[in-house]
């Protein structure tokens, strides 16, 4: 019996996702197939697999924001894929960031998509980012028999799965690809389904970024500049325009205090042009020459092209990639303010921001440094797992004991500020009360009186 034709759909919504997929393909991480997928004689050799890059532009207004395959640096990566298709073109005018077909309509969509893309009766495998978001869920529903691989482009892999994922979907996931930014720290994403995490080697990812960087024009900045990375205005929990401008002003003042007089700004493709002009004018008043990167190239690619003296800005994943993968000096700024405003508490960006705060130096207080020792990483692992339980206790109930021990061993504000007292009280965790009152709360006499008061209250309400 001859094996069926196989098509691997690699879904990417960001340039960072394309780069990670390219690196994973280069080192053969996606060519490995688990042994339970059929007898050897029915498995296809790697050369008989068609690789299709499916681009999903999930920007708030896709018509005004370039898709990943339209950004500078994509052309050198194109050779790794047999075809490049657009998910937006298939479902237009529906928005790929929100639309998921109804279960009853999924078979109709599968026939339509197979005919449109010439898949016929091919075996389809899916490689998606953020399995809990609309593009991944839509494709998983359209191809119900397709095995899933999931990838994470940054430190989000170390955070918990955002909410309770349908077990019928979660159990289809075979492995989690991630850039391995923190060796020794095990990813929590999809861990409740026993998904195997596989780190993409830093060398392979850097080689891909270097390949993309060669397509960028020579930098205009004289000497070694500082790179300021802008935020995605459409990201969940993104700062409002006024807060973003104030924080960028703090960054510029801190860069000037460190002696940087030339700054390259890497705006997000969806960032309004008037904000770039306003930032340039503000830099001029501070005596800093600021230029914006043309064409909004991916910041990681720009880092490799410029090799700046310092990288700072908003996305914690970009800063950690610059530090861990590209081996560039990186510093955070205003992370405490961003965390304080981040809502809801379950925001998927919370764990990456906490990791960046723990490992990277503060731009405004560089002398304080950032803890990089083994002790810091051990504490960070406990902090992340305790936060994972507090964020999604029903997803990771097995972490309760670890969370209790960690919180009991770290009563200081430096750690406890990441855990709202109201949430600790709801989950009956240490730290719900001020330190001076906790012995009183543990008193059997007080607890007995509280039970009597509650019983009396119930009788009065009757």
Protein backbone atom coordinates (compact mmCIF):
# COMPACT_ATOMS: atom_id res chain seq x y z
CA UNK A 1 0.00 0.00 0.00
CA UNK A 2 1.56 3.31 -1.07
CA UNK A 3 1.53 6.12 1.45
CA UNK A 4 -0.85 9.04 0.99
CA UNK A 5 0.34 12.45 -0.02
CA UNK A 6 1.14 14.63 3.00
CA UNK A 7 0.77 18.41 3.29
CA UNK A 8 2.03 20.33 6.28
CA UNK A 9 0.26 23.67 6.79
CA UNK A 10 2.51 26.01 8.75
CA UNK A 11 0.39 28.89 10.02
CA UNK A 12 2.10 32.18 10.84
CA UNK A 13 0.64 35.50 11.92
CA UNK A 14 3.93 37.28 12.67
CA UNK A 15 7.38 37.59 11.17
CA UNK A 16 8.77 36.09 14.39
CA UNK A 17 6.62 33.03 13.76
CA UNK A 18 7.96 32.63 10.23
CA UNK A 19 11.55 32.86 11.52
CA UNK A 20 10.96 30.23 14.21
CA UNK A 21 9.30 27.89 11.71
CA UNK A 22 12.20 28.34 9.30
CA UNK A 23 14.72 27.52 12.04
CA UNK A 24 12.72 24.45 13.12
CA UNK A 25 12.66 23.22 9.52
CA UNK A 26 16.40 23.80 9.15
CA UNK A 27 17.24 21.55 12.09
CA UNK A 28 14.62 18.93 11.24
CA UNK A 29 12.40 19.36 14.30
CA UNK A 30 9.28 19.19 12.15
CA UNK A 31 10.52 16.21 10.12
CA UNK A 32 10.48 13.95 13.15
CA UNK A 33 7.27 11.96 13.41
CA UNK A 34 6.21 10.10 16.57
CA UNK A 35 6.45 6.29 16.16
CA UNK A 36 2.76 5.73 16.84
CA UNK A 37 1.80 7.46 13.58
CA UNK A 38 1.80 4.31 11.51
CA UNK A 39 4.07 1.49 10.35
CA UNK A 40 7.37 2.52 8.74
CA UNK A 41 6.35 1.34 5.28
CA UNK A 42 3.42 3.79 5.27
CA UNK A 43 5.42 6.84 6.35
CA UNK A 44 6.51 9.33 3.76
CA UNK A 45 10.14 10.35 3.41
CA UNK A 46 10.78 14.01 4.20
CA UNK A 47 11.14 14.91 0.52
CA UNK A 48 7.55 13.77 -0.26
CA UNK A 49 6.03 16.31 2.09
CA UNK A 50 4.68 19.58 0.79
CA UNK A 51 5.33 22.56 3.05
CA UNK A 52 2.72 25.28 2.76
CA UNK A 53 3.14 28.53 4.67
CA UNK A 54 -0.32 29.88 5.49
CA UNK A 55 -0.15 33.54 6.44
CA UNK A 56 -2.88 34.86 8.75
CA UNK A 57 -2.78 38.64 9.18
CA UNK A 58 -4.66 39.16 12.45
CA UNK A 59 -4.03 42.91 12.81
CA UNK A 60 -7.06 44.95 13.81
CA UNK A 61 -7.19 46.39 10.28
CA UNK A 62 -5.40 43.86 8.04
CA UNK A 63 -5.92 46.03 4.97
CA UNK A 64 -3.63 48.73 6.39
CA UNK A 65 -1.03 46.49 8.07
CA UNK A 66 1.46 44.43 6.04
CA UNK A 67 1.30 40.67 6.46
CA UNK A 68 4.45 38.79 7.54
CA UNK A 69 5.28 37.80 3.96
CA UNK A 70 5.21 41.46 2.92
CA UNK A 71 7.76 42.64 5.51
CA UNK A 72 11.45 43.19 4.81
CA UNK A 73 13.50 40.07 5.44
CA UNK A 74 10.91 37.53 4.31
CA UNK A 75 12.30 36.85 0.82
CA UNK A 76 15.35 34.82 1.99
CA UNK A 77 13.05 32.55 4.03
CA UNK A 78 10.66 31.91 1.16
CA UNK A 79 12.75 29.03 -0.26
CA UNK A 80 11.90 26.83 2.72
CA UNK A 81 8.25 26.61 1.68
CA UNK A 82 6.76 25.07 -1.43
CA UNK A 83 3.86 27.50 -1.45
CA UNK A 84 2.76 30.63 0.42
CA UNK A 85 -0.99 31.14 0.84
CA UNK A 86 -3.13 33.73 2.58
CA UNK A 87 -5.78 32.73 5.11
CA UNK A 88 -7.25 36.25 4.88
CA UNK A 89 -7.96 35.77 1.18
CA UNK A 90 -9.89 32.58 1.86
CA UNK A 91 -12.27 33.92 4.51
CA UNK A 92 -12.53 37.59 3.47
CA UNK A 93 -14.48 39.68 4.54
CA UNK A 94 -14.43 37.75 7.81
CA UNK A 95 -11.64 38.67 10.21
CA UNK A 96 -9.10 35.88 10.86
CA UNK A 97 -8.56 37.06 14.42
CA UNK A 98 -12.17 36.37 15.39
CA UNK A 99 -13.80 33.93 12.99
CA UNK A 100 -14.20 30.23 13.71
CA UNK A 101 -16.64 28.15 11.62
CA UNK A 102 -19.61 26.54 13.28
CA UNK A 103 -19.21 22.83 13.89
CA UNK A 104 -21.98 22.04 11.38
CA UNK A 105 -20.26 24.13 8.69
CA UNK A 106 -16.76 22.69 9.18
CA UNK A 107 -17.16 19.79 6.66
CA UNK A 108 -18.30 22.26 3.99
CA UNK A 109 -15.28 24.46 4.69
CA UNK A 110 -12.95 21.47 4.50
CA UNK A 111 -14.22 20.55 1.03
CA UNK A 112 -13.95 24.16 -0.08
CA UNK A 113 -10.41 24.64 1.25
CA UNK A 114 -9.15 21.32 -0.13
CA UNK A 115 -10.49 22.23 -3.57
CA UNK A 116 -9.16 25.79 -3.43
CA UNK A 117 -5.65 24.75 -2.36
CA UNK A 118 -5.47 21.57 -4.44
CA UNK A 119 -5.12 19.32 -1.39
CA UNK A 120 -7.50 16.66 -2.68
CA UNK A 121 -7.28 13.67 -0.29
CA UNK A 122 -3.87 14.58 1.16
CA UNK A 123 -3.02 13.95 4.80
CA UNK A 124 -2.90 17.37 6.45
CA UNK A 125 -0.75 18.28 9.42
CA UNK A 126 -1.09 21.64 11.17
CA UNK A 127 1.62 23.73 12.80
CA UNK A 128 -0.01 26.69 14.58
CA UNK A 129 0.80 29.42 17.05
CA UNK A 130 -1.49 30.13 20.00
CA UNK A 131 -3.79 27.13 19.73
CA UNK A 132 -6.39 29.03 21.78
CA UNK A 133 -6.79 31.80 19.14
CA UNK A 134 -9.15 31.98 16.18
CA UNK A 135 -6.91 31.04 13.21
CA UNK A 136 -5.64 27.90 14.93
CA UNK A 137 -9.06 26.88 16.23
CA UNK A 138 -10.68 27.52 12.85
CA UNK A 139 -8.17 25.34 10.99
CA UNK A 140 -8.27 22.64 13.66
CA UNK A 141 -12.04 22.48 13.27
CA UNK A 142 -11.86 22.45 9.45
CA UNK A 143 -9.29 19.62 9.49
CA UNK A 144 -10.55 17.52 12.43
CA UNK A 145 -8.22 14.59 11.77
CA UNK A 146 -5.04 16.64 11.36
CA UNK A 147 -2.40 16.22 14.10
CA UNK A 148 -1.24 19.48 15.64
CA UNK A 149 2.12 20.97 16.47
CA UNK A 150 2.15 24.25 18.37
CA UNK A 151 4.90 26.84 18.55
CA UNK A 152 5.54 29.89 20.73
CA UNK A 153 7.81 32.68 19.55
CA UNK A 154 8.84 34.10 22.91
CA UNK A 155 8.67 33.64 26.64
CA UNK A 156 4.92 32.93 26.51
CA UNK A 157 5.83 29.23 26.35
CA UNK A 158 6.79 29.41 30.03
CA UNK A 159 3.36 30.67 31.06
CA UNK A 160 0.23 28.54 31.52
CA UNK A 161 -2.22 27.71 28.77
CA UNK A 162 -4.63 30.69 28.56
CA UNK A 163 -7.77 29.05 29.90
CA UNK A 164 -9.24 25.58 29.73
CA UNK A 165 -8.66 24.19 26.27
CA UNK A 166 -11.11 21.71 24.82
CA UNK A 167 -9.60 18.27 25.60
CA UNK A 168 -10.52 17.08 22.10
CA UNK A 169 -8.21 19.80 20.78
CA UNK A 170 -5.50 19.68 23.43
CA UNK A 171 -4.97 15.94 23.08
CA UNK A 172 -4.27 16.37 19.37
CA UNK A 173 -1.16 18.46 20.08
CA UNK A 174 2.01 16.40 19.71
CA UNK A 175 4.77 18.86 20.61
CA UNK A 176 5.48 22.45 21.52
CA UNK A 177 8.26 24.27 19.68
CA UNK A 178 9.81 27.26 21.45
CA UNK A 179 13.04 29.26 21.19
CA UNK A 180 14.48 27.97 24.48
CA UNK A 181 15.14 31.41 25.94
CA UNK A 182 15.54 30.08 29.49
CA UNK A 183 17.49 26.81 29.65
CA UNK A 184 16.51 24.84 32.70
CA UNK A 185 13.01 26.34 32.94
CA UNK A 186 10.35 23.93 31.69
CA UNK A 187 7.49 25.39 29.58
CA UNK A 188 4.03 25.23 31.12
CA UNK A 189 2.11 25.91 27.93
CA UNK A 190 -0.01 22.81 27.16
CA UNK A 191 1.79 20.87 29.90
CA UNK A 192 -1.60 19.69 31.24
CA UNK A 193 -1.93 17.56 28.09
CA UNK A 194 1.53 16.06 28.40
CA UNK A 195 2.75 17.86 25.27
CA UNK A 196 6.47 17.40 24.65
CA UNK A 197 8.37 20.73 24.58
CA UNK A 198 11.13 20.97 21.97
CA UNK A 199 13.54 23.91 22.01
CA UNK A 200 14.67 25.33 18.68
CA UNK A 201 18.46 25.77 18.99
CA UNK A 202 19.52 29.38 19.43
CA UNK A 203 22.17 28.97 16.74
CA UNK A 204 19.60 27.90 14.14
CA UNK A 205 17.30 30.81 15.01
CA UNK A 206 20.13 33.31 14.88
CA UNK A 207 21.24 31.94 11.48
CA UNK A 208 17.72 32.51 10.13
CA UNK A 209 17.63 36.06 11.51
CA UNK A 210 21.06 36.76 10.01
CA UNK A 211 19.84 35.48 6.64
CA UNK A 212 16.86 37.84 6.79
CA UNK A 213 19.00 40.73 7.98
CA UNK A 214 21.16 40.61 4.87
CA UNK A 215 18.16 41.77 2.86
CA UNK A 216 17.83 44.99 4.87
CA UNK A 217 19.55 48.14 3.55
CA UNK A 218 22.73 49.32 5.28
CA UNK A 219 21.94 51.20 8.50
CA UNK A 220 22.03 55.00 8.43
CA UNK A 221 22.96 55.26 12.10
CA UNK A 222 26.62 56.16 12.58
CA UNK A 223 28.55 53.81 14.83
CA UNK A 224 26.77 51.65 17.36
CA UNK A 225 23.35 53.03 18.17
CA UNK A 226 20.65 52.11 20.66
CA UNK A 227 17.52 50.35 19.41
CA UNK A 228 14.11 51.28 20.80
CA UNK A 229 11.36 48.77 19.99
CA UNK A 230 7.75 49.94 19.84
CA UNK A 231 4.71 48.08 21.10
CA UNK A 232 1.94 46.42 19.13
CA UNK A 233 -1.02 48.80 19.57
CA UNK A 234 -3.47 45.95 18.89
CA UNK A 235 -2.02 43.53 21.44
CA UNK A 236 -4.22 42.59 24.42
CA UNK A 237 -3.23 44.81 27.33
CA UNK A 238 -1.33 47.31 25.16
CA UNK A 239 -0.72 50.66 26.83
CA UNK A 240 -2.95 53.55 25.85
CA UNK A 241 -1.40 56.17 23.58
CA UNK A 242 -0.71 58.63 26.41
CA UNK A 243 0.89 56.01 28.65
CA UNK A 244 2.98 54.71 25.76
CA UNK A 245 4.29 58.20 24.98
CA UNK A 246 5.17 58.88 28.63
CA UNK A 247 7.04 55.59 28.93
CA UNK A 248 8.90 56.20 25.67
CA UNK A 249 9.94 59.60 27.01
CA UNK A 250 11.37 57.87 30.09
CA UNK A 251 13.28 55.48 27.83
CA UNK A 252 14.74 58.32 25.78
CA UNK A 253 15.85 60.21 28.90
CA UNK A 254 17.45 57.05 30.30
CA UNK A 255 19.25 56.36 27.01
CA UNK A 256 20.54 59.93 26.94
CA UNK A 257 21.75 59.60 30.54
CA UNK A 258 23.68 56.48 29.50
CA UNK A 259 25.41 58.45 26.76
CA UNK A 260 23.42 57.31 23.72
CA UNK A 261 22.90 60.17 21.28
CA UNK A 262 21.77 58.07 18.29
CA UNK A 263 18.65 55.93 18.57
CA UNK A 264 16.91 53.80 15.94
CA UNK A 265 13.22 53.32 16.55
CA UNK A 266 11.57 50.08 15.38
CA UNK A 267 7.82 50.82 15.25
CA UNK A 268 5.29 48.05 14.97
CA UNK A 269 3.78 47.82 11.44
CA UNK A 270 0.39 48.79 12.92
CA UNK A 271 1.75 51.85 14.76
CA UNK A 272 0.27 55.17 13.55
CA UNK A 273 2.71 57.42 11.72
CA UNK A 274 1.86 60.46 13.85
CA UNK A 275 3.20 58.72 16.96
CA UNK A 276 6.51 58.11 15.22
CA UNK A 277 6.74 61.82 14.33
CA UNK A 278 5.87 62.81 17.89
CA UNK A 279 8.58 60.52 19.29
CA UNK A 280 11.15 61.96 16.87
CA UNK A 281 10.28 65.51 17.97
CA UNK A 282 10.52 64.55 21.63
CA UNK A 283 13.93 62.98 21.05
CA UNK A 284 15.12 66.14 19.29
CA UNK A 285 14.20 68.24 22.32
CA UNK A 286 16.31 65.90 24.46
CA UNK A 287 19.30 66.20 22.15
CA UNK A 288 18.93 62.66 20.79
CA UNK A 289 18.92 61.90 17.06
CA UNK A 290 16.14 59.39 16.40
CA UNK A 291 15.50 57.68 13.08
CA UNK A 292 12.74 55.19 12.31
CA UNK A 293 13.53 51.93 10.54
CA UNK A 294 12.10 51.95 7.02
CA UNK A 295 9.47 49.39 6.13
CA UNK A 296 8.93 48.25 9.74
CA UNK A 297 11.27 45.24 9.60
CA UNK A 298 10.89 42.68 12.42
CA UNK A 299 12.80 43.97 15.45
CA UNK A 300 14.77 40.75 15.88
CA UNK A 301 15.99 41.00 12.28
CA UNK A 302 16.84 44.66 12.81
CA UNK A 303 18.81 43.71 15.94
CA UNK A 304 20.94 41.32 13.91
CA UNK A 305 21.43 43.89 11.12
CA UNK A 306 22.39 46.78 13.40
CA UNK A 307 24.07 44.91 16.27
CA UNK A 308 23.14 47.86 18.51
CA UNK A 309 24.95 48.81 21.69
CA UNK A 310 21.69 48.42 23.64
CA UNK A 311 18.17 47.15 22.97
CA UNK A 312 15.18 48.39 24.95
CA UNK A 313 11.47 48.88 24.45
CA UNK A 314 8.17 47.20 25.08
CA UNK A 315 7.81 43.55 23.96
CA UNK A 316 9.53 41.43 26.63
CA UNK A 317 9.88 38.54 24.16
CA UNK A 318 11.93 40.71 21.79
CA UNK A 319 14.20 41.89 24.61
CA UNK A 320 14.76 38.33 25.83
CA UNK A 321 15.45 37.12 22.28
CA UNK A 322 17.98 39.92 21.78
CA UNK A 323 19.71 38.94 25.02
CA UNK A 324 19.54 35.14 24.89
CA UNK A 325 19.67 34.39 21.15
CA UNK A 326 21.49 37.37 19.62
CA UNK A 327 23.74 37.96 22.65
CA UNK A 328 23.09 41.72 22.68
CA UNK A 329 22.83 43.98 25.74
CA UNK A 330 19.14 44.48 26.53
CA UNK A 331 17.39 46.45 29.25
CA UNK A 332 13.80 46.82 30.35
CA UNK A 333 12.05 50.02 31.35
CA UNK A 334 8.76 50.61 33.13
CA UNK A 335 7.96 46.92 33.49
CA UNK A 336 6.57 47.47 36.98
CA UNK A 337 4.12 50.08 35.65
CA UNK A 338 3.10 47.82 32.76
CA UNK A 339 2.47 44.91 35.14
CA UNK A 340 0.46 47.10 37.49
CA UNK A 341 -1.86 48.16 34.66
CA UNK A 342 -2.05 44.77 32.96
CA UNK A 343 -5.57 43.39 33.02
CA UNK A 344 -7.01 40.89 33.48
CA UNK A 345 -4.68 39.08 35.82
CA UNK A 346 -4.77 36.09 33.46
CA UNK A 347 -3.22 38.15 30.63
CA UNK A 348 -0.85 35.88 28.67
CA UNK A 349 1.78 38.66 28.54
CA UNK A 350 2.12 38.72 32.32
CA UNK A 351 4.60 35.86 32.64
CA UNK A 352 6.94 37.15 29.86
CA UNK A 353 6.95 40.58 31.51
CA UNK A 354 7.80 39.06 34.89
CA UNK A 355 10.62 37.01 33.34
CA UNK A 356 12.06 40.10 31.63
CA UNK A 357 11.88 42.05 34.89
CA UNK A 358 13.74 39.30 36.73
CA UNK A 359 16.50 38.68 34.19
CA UNK A 360 17.14 42.01 32.47
CA UNK A 361 18.66 45.14 34.01
CA UNK A 362 16.57 48.26 34.54
CA UNK A 363 17.33 50.89 31.92
CA UNK A 364 16.84 53.67 34.48
CA UNK A 365 18.93 51.96 37.16
CA UNK A 366 21.61 50.00 35.29
CA UNK A 367 23.81 49.79 38.39
CA UNK A 368 21.17 47.59 40.04
CA UNK A 369 21.61 45.06 37.23
CA UNK A 370 19.40 42.08 36.60
CA UNK A 371 19.77 38.85 38.48
CA UNK A 372 21.21 36.18 36.20
CA UNK A 373 22.59 33.74 38.73
CA UNK A 374 21.34 30.26 39.50
CA UNK A 375 19.56 31.53 42.61
CA UNK A 376 17.57 34.03 40.56
CA UNK A 377 16.59 31.41 38.00
CA UNK A 378 15.51 28.98 40.72
CA UNK A 379 13.37 31.65 42.35
CA UNK A 380 12.00 32.64 38.94
CA UNK A 381 10.91 29.06 38.23
CA UNK A 382 9.00 28.96 41.52
CA UNK A 383 7.50 32.38 40.86
CA UNK A 384 6.28 31.40 37.39
CA UNK A 385 4.68 28.19 38.62
CA UNK A 386 3.00 29.96 41.53
CA UNK A 387 1.66 32.61 39.15
CA UNK A 388 0.44 29.88 36.78
CA UNK A 389 -1.67 28.40 39.56
CA UNK A 390 -3.06 31.81 40.56
CA UNK A 391 -3.87 32.68 36.96
CA UNK A 392 -5.59 29.40 36.07
CA UNK A 393 -6.13 27.26 39.19
CA UNK A 394 -8.55 24.92 37.40
CA UNK A 395 -6.06 24.28 34.61
CA UNK A 396 -3.14 23.52 36.94
CA UNK A 397 -4.60 22.32 40.27
CA UNK A 398 -1.49 20.17 40.80
CA UNK A 399 0.54 23.36 41.36
CA UNK A 400 -1.30 24.36 44.53
CA UNK A 401 1.26 22.77 46.85
CA UNK A 402 4.17 24.45 45.05
CA UNK A 403 2.37 27.80 45.13
CA UNK A 404 1.72 27.51 48.87
CA UNK A 405 5.33 26.64 49.64
CA UNK A 406 6.72 29.38 47.40
CA UNK A 407 4.49 32.10 48.84
CA UNK A 408 5.20 31.00 52.39
CA UNK A 409 8.95 31.11 51.72
CA UNK A 410 8.85 34.54 50.03
CA UNK A 411 6.84 36.94 52.20
CA UNK A 412 8.61 40.06 50.90
CA UNK A 413 6.94 42.69 48.71
CA UNK A 414 9.40 42.02 45.88
CA UNK A 415 7.61 38.74 45.16
CA UNK A 416 4.19 39.27 46.73
CA UNK A 417 3.44 42.32 44.54
CA UNK A 418 2.82 39.88 41.68
CA UNK A 419 -0.06 38.30 43.62
CA UNK A 420 -3.14 40.44 44.43
CA UNK A 421 -4.31 39.82 47.98
CA UNK A 422 -7.89 39.38 46.85
CA UNK A 423 -6.85 36.54 44.54
CA UNK A 424 -4.74 34.95 47.27
CA UNK A 425 -7.75 35.14 49.60
CA UNK A 426 -10.06 33.53 47.03
CA UNK A 427 -7.57 30.70 46.57
CA UNK A 428 -6.78 30.41 50.31
CA UNK A 429 -3.06 30.99 49.74
CA UNK A 430 -0.45 32.52 52.05
CA UNK A 431 -0.22 36.29 51.82
CA UNK A 432 -3.92 37.05 51.70
CA UNK A 433 -3.58 39.00 54.97
CA UNK A 434 -0.85 41.38 56.16
CA UNK A 435 2.04 39.55 57.79
CA UNK A 436 1.08 40.74 61.28
CA UNK A 437 -2.43 39.30 61.02
CA UNK A 438 -1.60 35.89 59.58
CA UNK A 439 -0.83 34.31 63.00
CA UNK A 440 -4.17 35.64 64.24
CA UNK A 441 -5.98 34.21 61.21
CA UNK A 442 -4.40 30.81 61.84
CA UNK A 443 -5.57 30.83 65.49
CA UNK A 444 -8.10 28.06 66.17
CA UNK A 445 -10.01 30.38 68.52
CA UNK A 446 -10.40 33.02 65.81
CA UNK A 447 -11.37 30.43 63.20
CA UNK A 448 -13.99 28.97 65.58
CA UNK A 449 -15.44 32.43 66.17
CA UNK A 450 -15.56 33.08 62.43
CA UNK A 451 -17.47 29.83 61.84
CA UNK A 452 -19.99 30.77 64.54
CA UNK A 453 -20.42 34.23 63.00
CA UNK A 454 -21.08 32.76 59.58
CA UNK A 455 -23.61 30.29 60.99
CA UNK A 456 -25.37 33.10 62.84
CA UNK A 457 -25.48 35.16 59.65
CA UNK A 458 -27.12 32.30 57.78
CA UNK A 459 -29.79 31.92 60.47
CA UNK A 460 -30.55 35.66 60.39
CA UNK A 461 -30.96 35.65 56.60
CA UNK A 462 -33.52 32.84 56.86
